Amino acid sequence: MKISHIAIWTNELEILRDFYCKYFGAISNEKYFNPVKQFSSYFLTFENGACSLELMNKPNLDHPESNASTGLAHFAFSVGSKERVNVFTSQFREAGYSVIGEPRLTGDGFYESAIADPDGNIVEITV
């Protein structure tokens, strides 16, 4: 198991992408855009490839009704397979933790679920 990625909400998607590319040598994928949710993101990978950085944006990010604000959004553990994502999700549910995102295939191609840790941090469980 490894940390797959860390996600940051930003109002300055392009500026933040350029910052991490210029100063930390990140390589960016092409922008992902979900027109239904008005959600945009970039995944940045680094030299060793051990962990990625996801930069995310949506309109009215810091508005109280958006349920998000700039800064850390979530971190994700890669568990190796869809089956293990399902097993981990079930284990967390049975242990009484909140499952805040059921296992699913996302629009940008990830199979994941999400839970809240004891402090309420969002933890994604990915393949």
C-alpha atoms as a PDB file:
ATOM      1  CA  MET A   1       0.000   0.000   0.000  1.00  0.00           C
ATOM      2  CA  LYS A   2       1.175   3.529  -0.714  1.00  0.00           C
ATOM      3  CA  ILE A   3      -0.118   7.055  -0.631  1.00  0.00           C
ATOM      4  CA  SER A   4      -1.408   7.590  -4.144  1.00  0.00           C
ATOM      5  CA  HIS A   5      -2.013  11.335  -4.140  1.00  0.00           C
ATOM      6  CA  ILE A   6      -2.753  14.442  -2.111  1.00  0.00           C
ATOM      7  CA  ALA A   7      -5.424  16.863  -3.362  1.00  0.00           C
ATOM      8  CA  ILE A   8      -5.567  20.641  -2.996  1.00  0.00           C
ATOM      9  CA  TRP A   9      -8.507  22.919  -3.802  1.00  0.00           C
ATOM     10  CA  THR A  10      -7.381  26.137  -5.476  1.00  0.00           C
ATOM     11  CA  ASN A  11      -8.860  29.252  -7.033  1.00  0.00           C
ATOM     12  CA  GLU A  12      -5.681  29.584  -9.143  1.00  0.00           C
ATOM     13  CA  LEU A  13      -5.528  26.242 -10.959  1.00  0.00           C
ATOM     14  CA  GLU A  14      -3.120  27.244 -13.748  1.00  0.00           C
ATOM     15  CA  ILE A  15      -0.875  29.312 -11.463  1.00  0.00           C
ATOM     16  CA  LEU A  16      -0.547  26.489  -8.940  1.00  0.00           C
ATOM     17  CA  ARG A  17       0.128  23.947 -11.709  1.00  0.00           C
ATOM     18  CA  ASP A  18       2.853  26.185 -13.186  1.00  0.00           C
ATOM     19  CA  PHE A  19       4.387  26.690  -9.712  1.00  0.00           C
ATOM     20  CA  TYR A  20       4.783  22.954  -9.014  1.00  0.00           C
ATOM     21  CA  CYS A  21       6.012  22.272 -12.544  1.00  0.00           C
ATOM     22  CA  LYS A  22       8.579  25.078 -12.523  1.00  0.00           C
ATOM     23  CA  TYR A  23       9.993  24.721  -9.027  1.00  0.00           C
ATOM     24  CA  PHE A  24       9.505  21.018  -8.238  1.00  0.00           C
ATOM     25  CA  GLY A  25       9.825  19.483 -11.710  1.00  0.00           C
ATOM     26  CA  ALA A  26       6.270  18.138 -11.780  1.00  0.00           C
ATOM     27  CA  ILE A  27       4.838  16.813 -15.020  1.00  0.00           C
ATOM     28  CA  SER A  28       1.197  17.730 -15.583  1.00  0.00           C
ATOM     29  CA  ASN A  29      -1.476  15.725 -17.340  1.00  0.00           C
ATOM     30  CA  GLU A  30      -3.980  17.505 -19.569  1.00  0.00           C
ATOM     31  CA  LYS A  31      -6.708  19.368 -17.734  1.00  0.00           C
ATOM     32  CA  TYR A  32      -9.702  17.237 -16.774  1.00  0.00           C
ATOM     33  CA  PHE A  33     -13.071  19.009 -16.888  1.00  0.00           C
ATOM     34  CA  ASN A  34     -16.462  17.699 -15.777  1.00  0.00           C
ATOM     35  CA  PRO A  35     -19.102  19.990 -17.320  1.00  0.00           C
ATOM     36  CA  VAL A  36     -21.921  18.705 -15.091  1.00  0.00           C
ATOM     37  CA  LYS A  37     -20.089  19.552 -11.852  1.00  0.00           C
ATOM     38  CA  GLN A  38     -18.055  22.424 -13.343  1.00  0.00           C
ATOM     39  CA  PHE A  39     -15.021  20.678 -11.841  1.00  0.00           C
ATOM     40  CA  SER A  40     -11.491  21.027 -13.259  1.00  0.00           C
ATOM     41  CA  SER A  41      -8.296  19.313 -12.181  1.00  0.00           C
ATOM     42  CA  TYR A  42      -4.718  18.467 -13.019  1.00  0.00           C
ATOM     43  CA  PHE A  43      -2.699  15.509 -11.776  1.00  0.00           C
ATOM     44  CA  LEU A  44       0.970  16.300 -11.291  1.00  0.00           C
ATOM     45  CA  THR A  45       3.564  13.551 -11.105  1.00  0.00           C
ATOM     46  CA  PHE A  46       7.086  13.874  -9.795  1.00  0.00           C
ATOM     47  CA  GLU A  47      10.433  12.295 -10.632  1.00  0.00           C
ATOM     48  CA  ASN A  48      10.165   9.250  -8.378  1.00  0.00           C
ATOM     49  CA  GLY A  49       6.497   8.681  -9.250  1.00  0.00           C
ATOM     50  CA  ALA A  50       5.708   7.585  -5.699  1.00  0.00           C
ATOM     51  CA  CYS A  51       2.959  10.131  -5.031  1.00  0.00           C
ATOM     52  CA  SER A  52       0.978  12.579  -7.158  1.00  0.00           C
ATOM     53  CA  LEU A  53      -0.515  15.964  -6.445  1.00  0.00           C
ATOM     54  CA  GLU A  54      -4.082  16.656  -7.597  1.00  0.00           C
ATOM     55  CA  LEU A  55      -4.986  20.318  -8.080  1.00  0.00           C
ATOM     56  CA  MET A  56      -8.739  20.955  -8.170  1.00  0.00           C
ATOM     57  CA  ASN A  57     -11.084  23.849  -8.880  1.00  0.00           C
ATOM     58  CA  LYS A  58     -14.790  24.542  -9.147  1.00  0.00           C
ATOM     59  CA  PRO A  59     -16.751  27.808  -9.257  1.00  0.00           C
ATOM     60  CA  ASN A  60     -17.502  29.619  -5.989  1.00  0.00           C
ATOM     61  CA  LEU A  61     -14.996  27.458  -4.150  1.00  0.00           C
ATOM     62  CA  ASP A  62     -14.884  29.487  -0.938  1.00  0.00           C
ATOM     63  CA  HIS A  63     -18.643  30.129  -0.823  1.00  0.00           C
ATOM     64  CA  PRO A  64     -20.191  28.536   2.302  1.00  0.00           C
ATOM     65  CA  GLU A  65     -22.634  26.451   0.223  1.00  0.00           C
ATOM     66  CA  SER A  66     -19.882  24.849  -1.905  1.00  0.00           C
ATOM     67  CA  ASN A  67     -18.807  22.433   0.878  1.00  0.00           C
ATOM     68  CA  ALA A  68     -15.164  23.097  -0.006  1.00  0.00           C
ATOM     69  CA  SER A  69     -12.522  25.749   0.479  1.00  0.00           C
ATOM     70  CA  THR A  70      -8.997  26.311  -0.729  1.00  0.00           C
ATOM     71  CA  GLY A  71      -6.323  24.090   0.745  1.00  0.00           C
ATOM     72  CA  LEU A  72      -6.016  20.385   1.499  1.00  0.00           C
ATOM     73  CA  ALA A  73      -9.006  18.436   0.170  1.00  0.00           C
ATOM     74  CA  HIS A  74      -8.081  14.772   0.686  1.00  0.00           C
ATOM     75  CA  PHE A  75      -5.325  12.215   0.433  1.00  0.00           C
ATOM     76  CA  ALA A  76      -5.593   8.815  -1.200  1.00  0.00           C
ATOM     77  CA  PHE A  77      -4.182   5.373  -0.518  1.00  0.00           C
ATOM     78  CA  SER A  78      -3.680   2.995  -3.431  1.00  0.00           C
ATOM     79  CA  VAL A  79      -4.640  -0.526  -2.368  1.00  0.00           C
ATOM     80  CA  GLY A  80      -3.982  -2.326  -5.650  1.00  0.00           C
ATOM     81  CA  SER A  81      -7.333  -3.530  -7.003  1.00  0.00           C
ATOM     82  CA  LYS A  82     -11.051  -2.781  -7.257  1.00  0.00           C
ATOM     83  CA  GLU A  83     -11.748  -5.768  -5.034  1.00  0.00           C
ATOM     84  CA  ARG A  84      -9.499  -4.367  -2.287  1.00  0.00           C
ATOM     85  CA  VAL A  85     -11.181  -0.946  -2.576  1.00  0.00           C
ATOM     86  CA  ASN A  86     -14.495  -2.724  -1.946  1.00  0.00           C
ATOM     87  CA  VAL A  87     -13.095  -4.761   0.966  1.00  0.00           C
ATOM     88  CA  PHE A  88     -11.502  -1.734   2.654  1.00  0.00           C
ATOM     89  CA  THR A  89     -14.718   0.265   2.255  1.00  0.00           C
ATOM     90  CA  SER A  90     -16.740  -2.540   3.847  1.00  0.00           C
ATOM     91  CA  GLN A  91     -14.255  -2.859   6.715  1.00  0.00           C
ATOM     92  CA  PHE A  92     -14.477   0.862   7.487  1.00  0.00           C
ATOM     93  CA  ARG A  93     -18.280   0.795   7.345  1.00  0.00           C
ATOM     94  CA  GLU A  94     -18.436  -2.241   9.667  1.00  0.00           C
ATOM     95  CA  ALA A  95     -16.034  -0.524  12.094  1.00  0.00           C
ATOM     96  CA  GLY A  96     -18.403   2.444  12.319  1.00  0.00           C
ATOM     97  CA  TYR A  97     -16.542   4.975  10.182  1.00  0.00           C
ATOM     98  CA  SER A  98     -18.455   7.228   7.791  1.00  0.00           C
ATOM     99  CA  VAL A  99     -18.330   6.140   4.154  1.00  0.00           C
ATOM    100  CA  ILE A 100     -18.758   9.435   2.325  1.00  0.00           C
ATOM    101  CA  GLY A 101     -18.235   8.086  -1.200  1.00  0.00           C
ATOM    102  CA  GLU A 102     -19.272   4.588  -2.240  1.00  0.00           C
ATOM    103  CA  PRO A 103     -16.926   2.623  -4.541  1.00  0.00           C
ATOM    104  CA  ARG A 104     -17.278   3.918  -8.096  1.00  0.00           C
ATOM    105  CA  LEU A 105     -15.495   4.597 -11.345  1.00  0.00           C
ATOM    106  CA  THR A 106     -14.931   8.353 -11.618  1.00  0.00           C
ATOM    107  CA  GLY A 107     -15.245  10.433 -14.757  1.00  0.00           C
ATOM    108  CA  ASP A 108     -11.463  10.756 -14.964  1.00  0.00           C
ATOM    109  CA  GLY A 109     -10.933   6.990 -14.788  1.00  0.00           C
ATOM    110  CA  PHE A 110     -10.235   6.191 -11.130  1.00  0.00           C
ATOM    111  CA  TYR A 111     -11.959   3.468  -9.135  1.00  0.00           C
ATOM    112  CA  GLU A 112     -12.304   4.798  -5.612  1.00  0.00           C
ATOM    113  CA  SER A 113     -14.301   5.214  -2.459  1.00  0.00           C
ATOM    114  CA  ALA A 114     -13.941   7.772   0.331  1.00  0.00           C
ATOM    115  CA  ILE A 115     -14.200   7.605   4.099  1.00  0.00           C
ATOM    116  CA  ALA A 116     -13.800  10.083   6.927  1.00  0.00           C
ATOM    117  CA  ASP A 117     -11.012   9.350   9.403  1.00  0.00           C
ATOM    118  CA  PRO A 118     -11.614   9.908  13.152  1.00  0.00           C
ATOM    119  CA  ASP A 119     -10.841  13.648  12.740  1.00  0.00           C
ATOM    120  CA  GLY A 120     -13.096  13.980   9.695  1.00  0.00           C
ATOM    121  CA  ASN A 121     -10.294  14.132   7.100  1.00  0.00           C
ATOM    122  CA  ILE A 122     -11.311  12.693   3.761  1.00  0.00           C
ATOM    123  CA  VAL A 123      -9.341   9.588   2.818  1.00  0.00           C
ATOM    124  CA  GLU A 124      -9.825   8.136  -0.654  1.00  0.00           C
ATOM    125  CA  ILE A 125      -9.188   4.464  -1.245  1.00  0.00           C
ATOM    126  CA  THR A 126      -8.081   3.886  -4.847  1.00  0.00           C
ATOM    127  CA  VAL A 127      -6.807   1.064  -7.027  1.00  0.00           C
END
